[in-house]
């Protein structure tokens, strides 16, 4: 498509105004428009760096230094972004749980009383059994003692004494070990390190179909690798006559796509360029059109770029204001194939 309206200076002024008002979202949007109109000027990149997180700011400032290696503003801003990056607080790390520290549940008064209630009948039965055995053994002194005394009172007295003495021995101690360290061994699960599942890398969604060996259209003449492209380097070839776009790795054709390029009123530029910015989704405006959320946009010269298309399906026929229109799935694959700096060769 042709350069979005308004022109570069107006887009840059709007970005400055919103930046002064503290409206980062609008400042970013207008700075991106200014960059699309003229990526070789540093002002738009500087504003984009000012409204971005530290790491993104450093990336934008490195782009400014590529445009103007002597830019003092970019160097000062680089120190500012680096200081912000150092001041970022790292995410708190979860405190490790020691395997040697079993969790002991509190013992309630009810738990303390339960073993004693269970033990009382057994103690009474044991005492009666001992008394019976002694009587049966025929010891005269013990028999005389039971004849002159009330055995029920003696047994009751022994029971009273026995029910008071168990507290120091704490016969419930075996049950107090109901939280032993062996049952706490599931500490490995308490580490709960869900990092492998939380990464959820959405890269496959950016490449709706895998690379495959493509076929060149009939009448297509391989133009040869552009100057400076390596033997194993990815690059893109756009044939305006065939209305097709080809993805190469060195001299190997990886895939090809049917496209729609600029009409005779808004022709697509020809020449060899490099992708300077990528947007997974962005808004495109121009004379007579307003297109929100255009998917998989890759600008290679001013407002000219490759992108997905949802407003027509007439591929193979020039339809655009200068951009290379692709089917959304094809644009998604090409978006994952190319990167910033990938060569785009446009010819008739």
C-alpha atoms as a PDB file:
ATOM      1  CA  UNK A   1       0.000   0.000   0.000  1.00  0.00           C
ATOM      2  CA  UNK A   2       1.082   3.597  -0.418  1.00  0.00           C
ATOM      3  CA  UNK A   3       2.332   5.639   2.522  1.00  0.00           C
ATOM      4  CA  UNK A   4      -0.403   6.045   5.134  1.00  0.00           C
ATOM      5  CA  UNK A   5      -1.849   9.534   5.564  1.00  0.00           C
ATOM      6  CA  UNK A   6      -1.096  11.985   7.084  1.00  0.00           C
ATOM      7  CA  UNK A   7       2.537  12.650   6.138  1.00  0.00           C
ATOM      8  CA  UNK A   8       5.654  12.002   8.214  1.00  0.00           C
ATOM      9  CA  UNK A   9       5.881  15.383   9.962  1.00  0.00           C
ATOM     10  CA  UNK A  10       2.238  15.362  11.008  1.00  0.00           C
ATOM     11  CA  UNK A  11       2.534  11.789  12.347  1.00  0.00           C
ATOM     12  CA  UNK A  12       5.693  12.746  14.254  1.00  0.00           C
ATOM     13  CA  UNK A  13       4.036  15.887  15.706  1.00  0.00           C
ATOM     14  CA  UNK A  14       1.072  13.826  16.873  1.00  0.00           C
ATOM     15  CA  UNK A  15       3.422  11.319  18.509  1.00  0.00           C
ATOM     16  CA  UNK A  16       5.253  14.156  20.338  1.00  0.00           C
ATOM     17  CA  UNK A  17       1.984  15.682  21.508  1.00  0.00           C
ATOM     18  CA  UNK A  18       0.624  12.431  22.949  1.00  0.00           C
ATOM     19  CA  UNK A  19       4.008  11.699  24.545  1.00  0.00           C
ATOM     20  CA  UNK A  20       3.891  15.050  26.381  1.00  0.00           C
ATOM     21  CA  UNK A  21       0.321  14.317  27.489  1.00  0.00           C
ATOM     22  CA  UNK A  22       1.422  10.962  28.914  1.00  0.00           C
ATOM     23  CA  UNK A  23      -0.707   8.947  26.487  1.00  0.00           C
ATOM     24  CA  UNK A  24       1.794   6.198  25.672  1.00  0.00           C
ATOM     25  CA  UNK A  25      -0.592   4.130  23.565  1.00  0.00           C
ATOM     26  CA  UNK A  26      -1.372   6.957  21.108  1.00  0.00           C
ATOM     27  CA  UNK A  27       2.246   8.119  21.093  1.00  0.00           C
ATOM     28  CA  UNK A  28       3.313   4.582  20.133  1.00  0.00           C
ATOM     29  CA  UNK A  29       0.691   4.361  17.369  1.00  0.00           C
ATOM     30  CA  UNK A  30       1.713   7.665  15.752  1.00  0.00           C
ATOM     31  CA  UNK A  31       5.423   6.858  16.115  1.00  0.00           C
ATOM     32  CA  UNK A  32       4.836   3.595  14.247  1.00  0.00           C
ATOM     33  CA  UNK A  33       3.105   5.533  11.456  1.00  0.00           C
ATOM     34  CA  UNK A  34       6.048   7.915  11.234  1.00  0.00           C
ATOM     35  CA  UNK A  35       8.486   4.980  11.050  1.00  0.00           C
ATOM     36  CA  UNK A  36       6.429   3.331   8.304  1.00  0.00           C
ATOM     37  CA  UNK A  37       6.575   6.575   6.297  1.00  0.00           C
ATOM     38  CA  UNK A  38      10.316   7.066   6.735  1.00  0.00           C
ATOM     39  CA  UNK A  39      12.255   4.375   8.650  1.00  0.00           C
ATOM     40  CA  UNK A  40      15.578   6.101   7.948  1.00  0.00           C
ATOM     41  CA  UNK A  41      14.820   8.998  10.324  1.00  0.00           C
ATOM     42  CA  UNK A  42      15.607   8.511  13.985  1.00  0.00           C
ATOM     43  CA  UNK A  43      12.893  10.637  15.616  1.00  0.00           C
ATOM     44  CA  UNK A  44      10.132   8.025  15.354  1.00  0.00           C
ATOM     45  CA  UNK A  45      12.397   5.289  16.726  1.00  0.00           C
ATOM     46  CA  UNK A  46      13.352   7.508  19.694  1.00  0.00           C
ATOM     47  CA  UNK A  47       9.701   8.093  20.612  1.00  0.00           C
ATOM     48  CA  UNK A  48       9.004   4.361  20.282  1.00  0.00           C
ATOM     49  CA  UNK A  49      11.928   3.673  22.642  1.00  0.00           C
ATOM     50  CA  UNK A  50      10.582   6.230  25.159  1.00  0.00           C
ATOM     51  CA  UNK A  51       7.211   4.448  25.544  1.00  0.00           C
ATOM     52  CA  UNK A  52       8.525   0.864  25.588  1.00  0.00           C
ATOM     53  CA  UNK A  53       9.864  -1.448  28.337  1.00  0.00           C
ATOM     54  CA  UNK A  54      13.656  -1.395  28.908  1.00  0.00           C
ATOM     55  CA  UNK A  55      14.538  -4.372  26.708  1.00  0.00           C
ATOM     56  CA  UNK A  56      12.391  -3.163  23.817  1.00  0.00           C
ATOM     57  CA  UNK A  57      13.805   0.366  24.249  1.00  0.00           C
ATOM     58  CA  UNK A  58      17.339  -0.964  23.824  1.00  0.00           C
ATOM     59  CA  UNK A  59      16.332  -2.767  20.612  1.00  0.00           C
ATOM     60  CA  UNK A  60      14.770   0.401  19.153  1.00  0.00           C
ATOM     61  CA  UNK A  61      17.790   2.493  20.154  1.00  0.00           C
ATOM     62  CA  UNK A  62      20.104   0.027  18.438  1.00  0.00           C
ATOM     63  CA  UNK A  63      18.014   0.604  15.290  1.00  0.00           C
ATOM     64  CA  UNK A  64      18.545   4.375  15.719  1.00  0.00           C
ATOM     65  CA  UNK A  65      22.301   3.849  15.937  1.00  0.00           C
ATOM     66  CA  UNK A  66      22.144   1.842  12.724  1.00  0.00           C
ATOM     67  CA  UNK A  67      20.451   4.809  11.041  1.00  0.00           C
ATOM     68  CA  UNK A  68      22.730   7.403  12.663  1.00  0.00           C
ATOM     69  CA  UNK A  69      25.768   5.992  14.492  1.00  0.00           C
ATOM     70  CA  UNK A  70      26.644   9.497  15.764  1.00  0.00           C
ATOM     71  CA  UNK A  71      23.272  10.165  17.393  1.00  0.00           C
ATOM     72  CA  UNK A  72      23.954  11.629  20.859  1.00  0.00           C
ATOM     73  CA  UNK A  73      20.291  11.399  21.821  1.00  0.00           C
ATOM     74  CA  UNK A  74      20.294   7.664  21.110  1.00  0.00           C
ATOM     75  CA  UNK A  75      23.443   7.139  23.191  1.00  0.00           C
ATOM     76  CA  UNK A  76      22.015   9.096  26.138  1.00  0.00           C
ATOM     77  CA  UNK A  77      18.732   7.198  25.851  1.00  0.00           C
ATOM     78  CA  UNK A  78      20.689   3.924  25.753  1.00  0.00           C
ATOM     79  CA  UNK A  79      22.214   4.742  29.180  1.00  0.00           C
ATOM     80  CA  UNK A  80      18.719   5.573  30.443  1.00  0.00           C
ATOM     81  CA  UNK A  81      17.259   2.274  29.157  1.00  0.00           C
ATOM     82  CA  UNK A  82      20.189   0.276  30.553  1.00  0.00           C
ATOM     83  CA  UNK A  83      19.694   1.871  33.982  1.00  0.00           C
ATOM     84  CA  UNK A  84      15.977   0.985  33.880  1.00  0.00           C
ATOM     85  CA  UNK A  85      16.855  -2.575  32.965  1.00  0.00           C
ATOM     86  CA  UNK A  86      19.229  -2.855  35.944  1.00  0.00           C
ATOM     87  CA  UNK A  87      16.588  -1.429  38.284  1.00  0.00           C
ATOM     88  CA  UNK A  88      14.009  -3.996  37.259  1.00  0.00           C
ATOM     89  CA  UNK A  89      13.274  -6.245  40.217  1.00  0.00           C
ATOM     90  CA  UNK A  90      13.621  -9.936  39.431  1.00  0.00           C
ATOM     91  CA  UNK A  91      10.554 -12.062  39.971  1.00  0.00           C
ATOM     92  CA  UNK A  92      10.462 -13.494  43.525  1.00  0.00           C
ATOM     93  CA  UNK A  93      11.660 -17.082  43.684  1.00  0.00           C
ATOM     94  CA  UNK A  94       9.491 -19.590  45.583  1.00  0.00           C
ATOM     95  CA  UNK A  95      10.950 -20.567  48.932  1.00  0.00           C
ATOM     96  CA  UNK A  96      12.132 -24.207  48.759  1.00  0.00           C
ATOM     97  CA  UNK A  97      10.467 -26.677  51.060  1.00  0.00           C
ATOM     98  CA  UNK A  98      12.882 -28.775  53.133  1.00  0.00           C
ATOM     99  CA  UNK A  99      12.410 -32.524  52.983  1.00  0.00           C
ATOM    100  CA  UNK A 100      13.742 -32.850  56.533  1.00  0.00           C
ATOM    101  CA  UNK A 101      10.956 -30.667  57.986  1.00  0.00           C
ATOM    102  CA  UNK A 102       7.761 -32.711  58.369  1.00  0.00           C
ATOM    103  CA  UNK A 103       4.550 -30.827  58.910  1.00  0.00           C
ATOM    104  CA  UNK A 104       3.181 -31.782  62.336  1.00  0.00           C
ATOM    105  CA  UNK A 105      -0.504 -31.158  62.776  1.00  0.00           C
ATOM    106  CA  UNK A 106      -1.564 -29.683  66.154  1.00  0.00           C
ATOM    107  CA  UNK A 107      -2.879 -32.194  68.676  1.00  0.00           C
ATOM    108  CA  UNK A 108      -6.281 -31.221  70.067  1.00  0.00           C
ATOM    109  CA  UNK A 109      -7.585 -31.936  73.535  1.00  0.00           C
ATOM    110  CA  UNK A 110     -10.076 -34.384  72.042  1.00  0.00           C
ATOM    111  CA  UNK A 111      -7.218 -36.332  70.448  1.00  0.00           C
ATOM    112  CA  UNK A 112      -5.448 -36.463  73.823  1.00  0.00           C
ATOM    113  CA  UNK A 113      -8.528 -37.787  75.604  1.00  0.00           C
ATOM    114  CA  UNK A 114      -9.477 -40.427  73.029  1.00  0.00           C
ATOM    115  CA  UNK A 115      -6.624 -42.904  73.741  1.00  0.00           C
ATOM    116  CA  UNK A 116      -7.285 -42.700  77.492  1.00  0.00           C
ATOM    117  CA  UNK A 117     -10.974 -43.544  77.011  1.00  0.00           C
ATOM    118  CA  UNK A 118     -10.059 -46.518  74.862  1.00  0.00           C
ATOM    119  CA  UNK A 119      -7.382 -47.747  77.322  1.00  0.00           C
ATOM    120  CA  UNK A 120      -9.539 -47.692  80.502  1.00  0.00           C
ATOM    121  CA  UNK A 121     -11.536 -50.882  79.801  1.00  0.00           C
ATOM    122  CA  UNK A 122      -8.346 -52.788  78.959  1.00  0.00           C
ATOM    123  CA  UNK A 123      -6.631 -51.624  82.178  1.00  0.00           C
ATOM    124  CA  UNK A 124      -9.625 -52.656  84.278  1.00  0.00           C
ATOM    125  CA  UNK A 125      -9.810 -56.044  82.593  1.00  0.00           C
ATOM    126  CA  UNK A 126      -6.071 -56.606  83.132  1.00  0.00           C
ATOM    127  CA  UNK A 127      -6.332 -55.757  86.843  1.00  0.00           C
ATOM    128  CA  UNK A 128      -9.265 -58.096  87.357  1.00  0.00           C
ATOM    129  CA  UNK A 129      -7.399 -60.849  85.529  1.00  0.00           C
ATOM    130  CA  UNK A 130      -4.323 -60.392  87.748  1.00  0.00           C
ATOM    131  CA  UNK A 131      -6.484 -60.384  90.857  1.00  0.00           C
ATOM    132  CA  UNK A 132      -8.212 -63.576  89.731  1.00  0.00           C
ATOM    133  CA  UNK A 133      -4.911 -65.319  89.068  1.00  0.00           C
ATOM    134  CA  UNK A 134      -3.563 -64.358  92.478  1.00  0.00           C
ATOM    135  CA  UNK A 135      -6.664 -65.644  94.205  1.00  0.00           C
ATOM    136  CA  UNK A 136      -6.559 -68.881  92.184  1.00  0.00           C
ATOM    137  CA  UNK A 137      -2.923 -69.414  93.105  1.00  0.00           C
ATOM    138  CA  UNK A 138      -4.045 -69.988  96.702  1.00  0.00           C
ATOM    139  CA  UNK A 139      -1.711 -67.611  98.470  1.00  0.00           C
ATOM    140  CA  UNK A 140      -3.137 -67.433 102.048  1.00  0.00           C
ATOM    141  CA  UNK A 141      -2.029 -63.886 102.789  1.00  0.00           C
ATOM    142  CA  UNK A 142      -3.698 -62.489  99.699  1.00  0.00           C
ATOM    143  CA  UNK A 143      -6.806 -64.642 100.307  1.00  0.00           C
ATOM    144  CA  UNK A 144      -7.030 -63.340 103.898  1.00  0.00           C
ATOM    145  CA  UNK A 145      -6.620 -59.799 102.665  1.00  0.00           C
ATOM    146  CA  UNK A 146      -9.524 -60.209 100.214  1.00  0.00           C
ATOM    147  CA  UNK A 147     -11.694 -61.847 102.896  1.00  0.00           C
ATOM    148  CA  UNK A 148     -11.271 -58.894 105.290  1.00  0.00           C
ATOM    149  CA  UNK A 149     -11.599 -56.273 102.597  1.00  0.00           C
ATOM    150  CA  UNK A 150     -14.070 -55.311  99.932  1.00  0.00           C
ATOM    151  CA  UNK A 151     -12.572 -56.423  96.605  1.00  0.00           C
ATOM    152  CA  UNK A 152     -14.772 -53.974  94.671  1.00  0.00           C
ATOM    153  CA  UNK A 153     -13.393 -51.035  96.645  1.00  0.00           C
ATOM    154  CA  UNK A 154      -9.835 -52.279  96.146  1.00  0.00           C
ATOM    155  CA  UNK A 155     -10.374 -52.708  92.398  1.00  0.00           C
ATOM    156  CA  UNK A 156     -12.027 -49.277  92.238  1.00  0.00           C
ATOM    157  CA  UNK A 157      -9.112 -47.731  94.119  1.00  0.00           C
ATOM    158  CA  UNK A 158      -6.640 -49.368  91.796  1.00  0.00           C
ATOM    159  CA  UNK A 159      -8.618 -48.155  88.838  1.00  0.00           C
ATOM    160  CA  UNK A 160      -8.642 -44.616  90.138  1.00  0.00           C
ATOM    161  CA  UNK A 161      -4.911 -44.736  90.770  1.00  0.00           C
ATOM    162  CA  UNK A 162      -4.223 -46.263  87.360  1.00  0.00           C
ATOM    163  CA  UNK A 163      -6.299 -43.753  85.485  1.00  0.00           C
ATOM    164  CA  UNK A 164      -4.254 -40.950  87.001  1.00  0.00           C
ATOM    165  CA  UNK A 165      -0.829 -42.463  86.400  1.00  0.00           C
ATOM    166  CA  UNK A 166      -1.051 -43.017  82.604  1.00  0.00           C
ATOM    167  CA  UNK A 167      -0.693 -39.309  81.858  1.00  0.00           C
ATOM    168  CA  UNK A 168       3.122 -39.257  82.359  1.00  0.00           C
ATOM    169  CA  UNK A 169       3.511 -42.419  80.298  1.00  0.00           C
ATOM    170  CA  UNK A 170       1.259 -40.920  77.630  1.00  0.00           C
ATOM    171  CA  UNK A 171       0.198 -44.231  76.128  1.00  0.00           C
ATOM    172  CA  UNK A 172      -1.145 -42.258  73.156  1.00  0.00           C
ATOM    173  CA  UNK A 173       2.437 -41.451  71.980  1.00  0.00           C
ATOM    174  CA  UNK A 174       2.284 -44.136  69.265  1.00  0.00           C
ATOM    175  CA  UNK A 175      -0.716 -42.298  67.776  1.00  0.00           C
ATOM    176  CA  UNK A 176       1.090 -38.934  68.017  1.00  0.00           C
ATOM    177  CA  UNK A 177       3.379 -40.180  65.284  1.00  0.00           C
ATOM    178  CA  UNK A 178       0.499 -40.129  62.778  1.00  0.00           C
ATOM    179  CA  UNK A 179       2.447 -37.438  60.844  1.00  0.00           C
ATOM    180  CA  UNK A 180       5.750 -39.250  60.301  1.00  0.00           C
ATOM    181  CA  UNK A 181       8.310 -37.909  57.863  1.00  0.00           C
ATOM    182  CA  UNK A 182       7.875 -40.883  55.465  1.00  0.00           C
ATOM    183  CA  UNK A 183       4.287 -39.767  54.720  1.00  0.00           C
ATOM    184  CA  UNK A 184       5.589 -36.290  53.906  1.00  0.00           C
ATOM    185  CA  UNK A 185       7.765 -37.553  51.067  1.00  0.00           C
ATOM    186  CA  UNK A 186       5.424 -35.925  48.467  1.00  0.00           C
ATOM    187  CA  UNK A 187       7.614 -32.819  48.895  1.00  0.00           C
ATOM    188  CA  UNK A 188       8.753 -33.265  45.252  1.00  0.00           C
ATOM    189  CA  UNK A 189       5.189 -32.415  44.210  1.00  0.00           C
ATOM    190  CA  UNK A 190       5.177 -29.366  46.485  1.00  0.00           C
ATOM    191  CA  UNK A 191       7.887 -27.791  44.339  1.00  0.00           C
ATOM    192  CA  UNK A 192       5.198 -27.316  41.654  1.00  0.00           C
ATOM    193  CA  UNK A 193       7.424 -26.098  38.873  1.00  0.00           C
ATOM    194  CA  UNK A 194       4.879 -25.590  36.063  1.00  0.00           C
ATOM    195  CA  UNK A 195       7.458 -23.796  33.889  1.00  0.00           C
ATOM    196  CA  UNK A 196       7.374 -26.357  31.066  1.00  0.00           C
ATOM    197  CA  UNK A 197       3.619 -25.895  30.619  1.00  0.00           C
ATOM    198  CA  UNK A 198       3.579 -22.116  31.264  1.00  0.00           C
ATOM    199  CA  UNK A 199       5.964 -21.360  28.426  1.00  0.00           C
ATOM    200  CA  UNK A 200       3.192 -22.048  25.869  1.00  0.00           C
ATOM    201  CA  UNK A 201       5.241 -20.831  22.969  1.00  0.00           C
ATOM    202  CA  UNK A 202       2.681 -19.698  20.367  1.00  0.00           C
ATOM    203  CA  UNK A 203       5.160 -19.997  17.484  1.00  0.00           C
ATOM    204  CA  UNK A 204       3.175 -22.752  15.703  1.00  0.00           C
ATOM    205  CA  UNK A 205       0.230 -20.334  15.459  1.00  0.00           C
ATOM    206  CA  UNK A 206       2.466 -17.902  13.594  1.00  0.00           C
ATOM    207  CA  UNK A 207       3.339 -20.594  11.058  1.00  0.00           C
ATOM    208  CA  UNK A 208      -0.035 -22.072  10.038  1.00  0.00           C
ATOM    209  CA  UNK A 209       1.701 -24.577   7.780  1.00  0.00           C
ATOM    210  CA  UNK A 210       5.234 -26.000   7.812  1.00  0.00           C
ATOM    211  CA  UNK A 211       7.820 -25.212   5.145  1.00  0.00           C
ATOM    212  CA  UNK A 212       7.626 -27.413   2.116  1.00  0.00           C
ATOM    213  CA  UNK A 213       9.208 -27.734  -1.270  1.00  0.00           C
ATOM    214  CA  UNK A 214       7.396 -25.320  -3.534  1.00  0.00           C
ATOM    215  CA  UNK A 215       6.922 -25.187  -7.249  1.00  0.00           C
ATOM    216  CA  UNK A 216       7.592 -22.156  -9.403  1.00  0.00           C
ATOM    217  CA  UNK A 217       4.748 -21.000 -11.608  1.00  0.00           C
ATOM    218  CA  UNK A 218       4.826 -21.495 -15.361  1.00  0.00           C
ATOM    219  CA  UNK A 219       6.964 -18.909 -17.118  1.00  0.00           C
ATOM    220  CA  UNK A 220       8.891 -17.981 -13.989  1.00  0.00           C
ATOM    221  CA  UNK A 221      12.608 -17.367 -14.469  1.00  0.00           C
ATOM    222  CA  UNK A 222      14.762 -17.699 -11.382  1.00  0.00           C
ATOM    223  CA  UNK A 223      16.362 -14.269 -10.919  1.00  0.00           C
ATOM    224  CA  UNK A 224      19.304 -15.559  -8.898  1.00  0.00           C
ATOM    225  CA  UNK A 225      20.298 -14.636  -5.369  1.00  0.00           C
ATOM    226  CA  UNK A 226      20.434 -10.879  -4.772  1.00  0.00           C
ATOM    227  CA  UNK A 227      23.816  -9.377  -3.998  1.00  0.00           C
ATOM    228  CA  UNK A 228      24.862  -9.986  -0.377  1.00  0.00           C
ATOM    229  CA  UNK A 229      22.525 -12.956   0.291  1.00  0.00           C
ATOM    230  CA  UNK A 230      24.391 -15.996   1.610  1.00  0.00           C
ATOM    231  CA  UNK A 231      24.104 -19.584   0.380  1.00  0.00           C
ATOM    232  CA  UNK A 232      21.930 -20.642   3.356  1.00  0.00           C
ATOM    233  CA  UNK A 233      20.224 -17.301   3.989  1.00  0.00           C
ATOM    234  CA  UNK A 234      16.460 -16.804   3.677  1.00  0.00           C
ATOM    235  CA  UNK A 235      15.136 -14.222   1.196  1.00  0.00           C
ATOM    236  CA  UNK A 236      11.883 -13.375  -0.590  1.00  0.00           C
ATOM    237  CA  UNK A 237      11.296 -12.861  -4.313  1.00  0.00           C
ATOM    238  CA  UNK A 238       8.174 -11.035  -5.613  1.00  0.00           C
ATOM    239  CA  UNK A 239       7.344 -11.450  -9.326  1.00  0.00           C
ATOM    240  CA  UNK A 240       4.844  -8.741 -10.308  1.00  0.00           C
ATOM    241  CA  UNK A 241       4.249 -10.236 -13.768  1.00  0.00           C
ATOM    242  CA  UNK A 242       3.335 -13.650 -12.351  1.00  0.00           C
ATOM    243  CA  UNK A 243       1.586 -12.214  -9.242  1.00  0.00           C
ATOM    244  CA  UNK A 244       3.511 -14.707  -7.105  1.00  0.00           C
ATOM    245  CA  UNK A 245       5.856 -14.511  -4.125  1.00  0.00           C
ATOM    246  CA  UNK A 246       8.657 -17.052  -3.584  1.00  0.00           C
ATOM    247  CA  UNK A 247      10.473 -17.981  -0.353  1.00  0.00           C
ATOM    248  CA  UNK A 248      14.102 -19.059  -0.852  1.00  0.00           C
ATOM    249  CA  UNK A 249      16.888 -20.381   1.327  1.00  0.00           C
ATOM    250  CA  UNK A 250      19.962 -19.639  -0.705  1.00  0.00           C
ATOM    251  CA  UNK A 251      19.224 -21.040  -4.181  1.00  0.00           C
ATOM    252  CA  UNK A 252      16.652 -23.545  -2.875  1.00  0.00           C
ATOM    253  CA  UNK A 253      12.969 -22.742  -3.433  1.00  0.00           C
ATOM    254  CA  UNK A 254      11.112 -23.463  -0.183  1.00  0.00           C
ATOM    255  CA  UNK A 255       7.582 -22.331  -1.042  1.00  0.00           C
ATOM    256  CA  UNK A 256       5.600 -20.021  -3.328  1.00  0.00           C
ATOM    257  CA  UNK A 257       2.299 -18.159  -2.979  1.00  0.00           C
ATOM    258  CA  UNK A 258      -0.287 -16.524  -5.233  1.00  0.00           C
ATOM    259  CA  UNK A 259      -0.563 -12.819  -4.306  1.00  0.00           C
ATOM    260  CA  UNK A 260      -2.156  -9.524  -5.309  1.00  0.00           C
ATOM    261  CA  UNK A 261       0.129  -6.510  -5.800  1.00  0.00           C
ATOM    262  CA  UNK A 262      -0.505  -2.826  -6.604  1.00  0.00           C
ATOM    263  CA  UNK A 263      -2.818  -1.647  -9.374  1.00  0.00           C
ATOM    264  CA  UNK A 264      -1.735   0.623 -12.235  1.00  0.00           C
ATOM    265  CA  UNK A 265      -2.834   3.658 -10.196  1.00  0.00           C
ATOM    266  CA  UNK A 266      -0.879   2.503  -7.113  1.00  0.00           C
ATOM    267  CA  UNK A 267       1.968   0.349  -8.471  1.00  0.00           C
ATOM    268  CA  UNK A 268       4.241  -1.694  -6.213  1.00  0.00           C
ATOM    269  CA  UNK A 269       7.817  -0.404  -6.011  1.00  0.00           C
ATOM    270  CA  UNK A 270      10.542  -2.511  -7.606  1.00  0.00           C
ATOM    271  CA  UNK A 271      14.066  -3.074  -6.350  1.00  0.00           C
ATOM    272  CA  UNK A 272      15.893  -4.892  -3.568  1.00  0.00           C
ATOM    273  CA  UNK A 273      14.955  -3.979   0.014  1.00  0.00           C
ATOM    274  CA  UNK A 274      15.117  -5.375   3.536  1.00  0.00           C
ATOM    275  CA  UNK A 275      12.313  -5.924   6.040  1.00  0.00           C
ATOM    276  CA  UNK A 276      12.730  -3.214   8.679  1.00  0.00           C
ATOM    277  CA  UNK A 277       9.776  -3.903  11.002  1.00  0.00           C
ATOM    278  CA  UNK A 278       7.216  -6.687  11.639  1.00  0.00           C
ATOM    279  CA  UNK A 279       3.748  -6.437  13.207  1.00  0.00           C
ATOM    280  CA  UNK A 280       1.576  -9.402  14.017  1.00  0.00           C
ATOM    281  CA  UNK A 281      -1.406  -7.068  13.638  1.00  0.00           C
ATOM    282  CA  UNK A 282      -1.687  -3.360  12.822  1.00  0.00           C
ATOM    283  CA  UNK A 283      -4.015  -0.750  11.306  1.00  0.00           C
ATOM    284  CA  UNK A 284      -3.480   0.509   7.734  1.00  0.00           C
ATOM    285  CA  UNK A 285      -4.954   3.758   6.446  1.00  0.00           C
ATOM    286  CA  UNK A 286      -4.627   5.638   3.180  1.00  0.00           C
ATOM    287  CA  UNK A 287      -6.617   7.454   0.482  1.00  0.00           C
ATOM    288  CA  UNK A 288     -10.003   5.771   0.426  1.00  0.00           C
ATOM    289  CA  UNK A 289      -9.382   2.953   2.891  1.00  0.00           C
ATOM    290  CA  UNK A 290      -9.129   2.189   6.601  1.00  0.00           C
ATOM    291  CA  UNK A 291      -8.146  -1.395   7.514  1.00  0.00           C
ATOM    292  CA  UNK A 292      -7.905  -2.310  11.215  1.00  0.00           C
ATOM    293  CA  UNK A 293      -6.107  -5.394  12.528  1.00  0.00           C
ATOM    294  CA  UNK A 294      -4.275  -6.318   9.333  1.00  0.00           C
ATOM    295  CA  UNK A 295      -2.466  -9.598  10.171  1.00  0.00           C
ATOM    296  CA  UNK A 296       1.208 -10.515   9.716  1.00  0.00           C
ATOM    297  CA  UNK A 297       2.542  -7.205   8.374  1.00  0.00           C
ATOM    298  CA  UNK A 298       6.202  -6.907   7.275  1.00  0.00           C
ATOM    299  CA  UNK A 299       7.243  -3.470   5.955  1.00  0.00           C
ATOM    300  CA  UNK A 300      10.245  -3.428   3.629  1.00  0.00           C
ATOM    301  CA  UNK A 301      10.107   0.116   2.150  1.00  0.00           C
ATOM    302  CA  UNK A 302       8.240   3.073   3.698  1.00  0.00           C
ATOM    303  CA  UNK A 303       4.536   2.058   3.688  1.00  0.00           C
ATOM    304  CA  UNK A 304       5.049  -0.918   1.353  1.00  0.00           C
ATOM    305  CA  UNK A 305       4.919  -4.368   2.889  1.00  0.00           C
ATOM    306  CA  UNK A 306       3.784  -7.984   2.739  1.00  0.00           C
ATOM    307  CA  UNK A 307       0.720  -8.839   4.833  1.00  0.00           C
ATOM    308  CA  UNK A 308      -2.326 -11.046   5.230  1.00  0.00           C
ATOM    309  CA  UNK A 309      -5.623 -10.061   3.606  1.00  0.00           C
ATOM    310  CA  UNK A 310      -9.167 -10.573   4.886  1.00  0.00           C
ATOM    311  CA  UNK A 311     -11.081  -8.085   2.673  1.00  0.00           C
ATOM    312  CA  UNK A 312     -10.804  -9.867  -0.687  1.00  0.00           C
ATOM    313  CA  UNK A 313     -10.023 -13.280  -2.167  1.00  0.00           C
ATOM    314  CA  UNK A 314      -9.101 -12.217  -5.687  1.00  0.00           C
ATOM    315  CA  UNK A 315      -5.472 -13.337  -5.506  1.00  0.00           C
ATOM    316  CA  UNK A 316      -3.565 -13.422  -8.766  1.00  0.00           C
ATOM    317  CA  UNK A 317      -5.002 -10.034  -9.809  1.00  0.00           C
ATOM    318  CA  UNK A 318      -3.500  -6.637  -8.828  1.00  0.00           C
ATOM    319  CA  UNK A 319      -5.791  -5.305  -6.101  1.00  0.00           C
ATOM    320  CA  UNK A 320      -3.723  -3.310  -3.583  1.00  0.00           C
ATOM    321  CA  UNK A 321      -2.482   0.246  -3.072  1.00  0.00           C
ATOM    322  CA  UNK A 322       1.104  -1.010  -3.483  1.00  0.00           C
ATOM    323  CA  UNK A 323       1.496  -3.720  -0.830  1.00  0.00           C
ATOM    324  CA  UNK A 324       1.785  -7.443  -1.514  1.00  0.00           C
ATOM    325  CA  UNK A 325      -1.499  -9.052  -0.418  1.00  0.00           C
ATOM    326  CA  UNK A 326      -1.316 -12.707   0.691  1.00  0.00           C
ATOM    327  CA  UNK A 327      -3.851 -15.150   2.032  1.00  0.00           C
ATOM    328  CA  UNK A 328      -3.812 -14.965   5.828  1.00  0.00           C
ATOM    329  CA  UNK A 329      -2.406 -18.511   6.236  1.00  0.00           C
ATOM    330  CA  UNK A 330       0.303 -17.854   3.644  1.00  0.00           C
ATOM    331  CA  UNK A 331       1.189 -14.550   5.322  1.00  0.00           C
ATOM    332  CA  UNK A 332       1.449 -16.302   8.688  1.00  0.00           C
ATOM    333  CA  UNK A 333       3.877 -18.865   7.284  1.00  0.00           C
ATOM    334  CA  UNK A 334       5.978 -16.162   5.594  1.00  0.00           C
ATOM    335  CA  UNK A 335       5.914 -14.114   8.840  1.00  0.00           C
ATOM    336  CA  UNK A 336       7.557 -17.038  10.643  1.00  0.00           C
ATOM    337  CA  UNK A 337       9.986 -17.690   7.774  1.00  0.00           C
ATOM    338  CA  UNK A 338      11.339 -14.132   7.475  1.00  0.00           C
ATOM    339  CA  UNK A 339      12.827 -11.796  10.059  1.00  0.00           C
ATOM    340  CA  UNK A 340      13.864  -8.167  10.346  1.00  0.00           C
ATOM    341  CA  UNK A 341      16.666  -7.755   7.817  1.00  0.00           C
ATOM    342  CA  UNK A 342      15.423 -10.421   5.382  1.00  0.00           C
ATOM    343  CA  UNK A 343      15.956  -9.333   1.751  1.00  0.00           C
ATOM    344  CA  UNK A 344      12.847  -8.703  -0.384  1.00  0.00           C
ATOM    345  CA  UNK A 345      13.516  -8.605  -4.159  1.00  0.00           C
ATOM    346  CA  UNK A 346      10.636  -7.084  -6.194  1.00  0.00           C
ATOM    347  CA  UNK A 347      10.729  -7.208 -10.009  1.00  0.00           C
ATOM    348  CA  UNK A 348       8.532  -7.488 -13.088  1.00  0.00           C
END
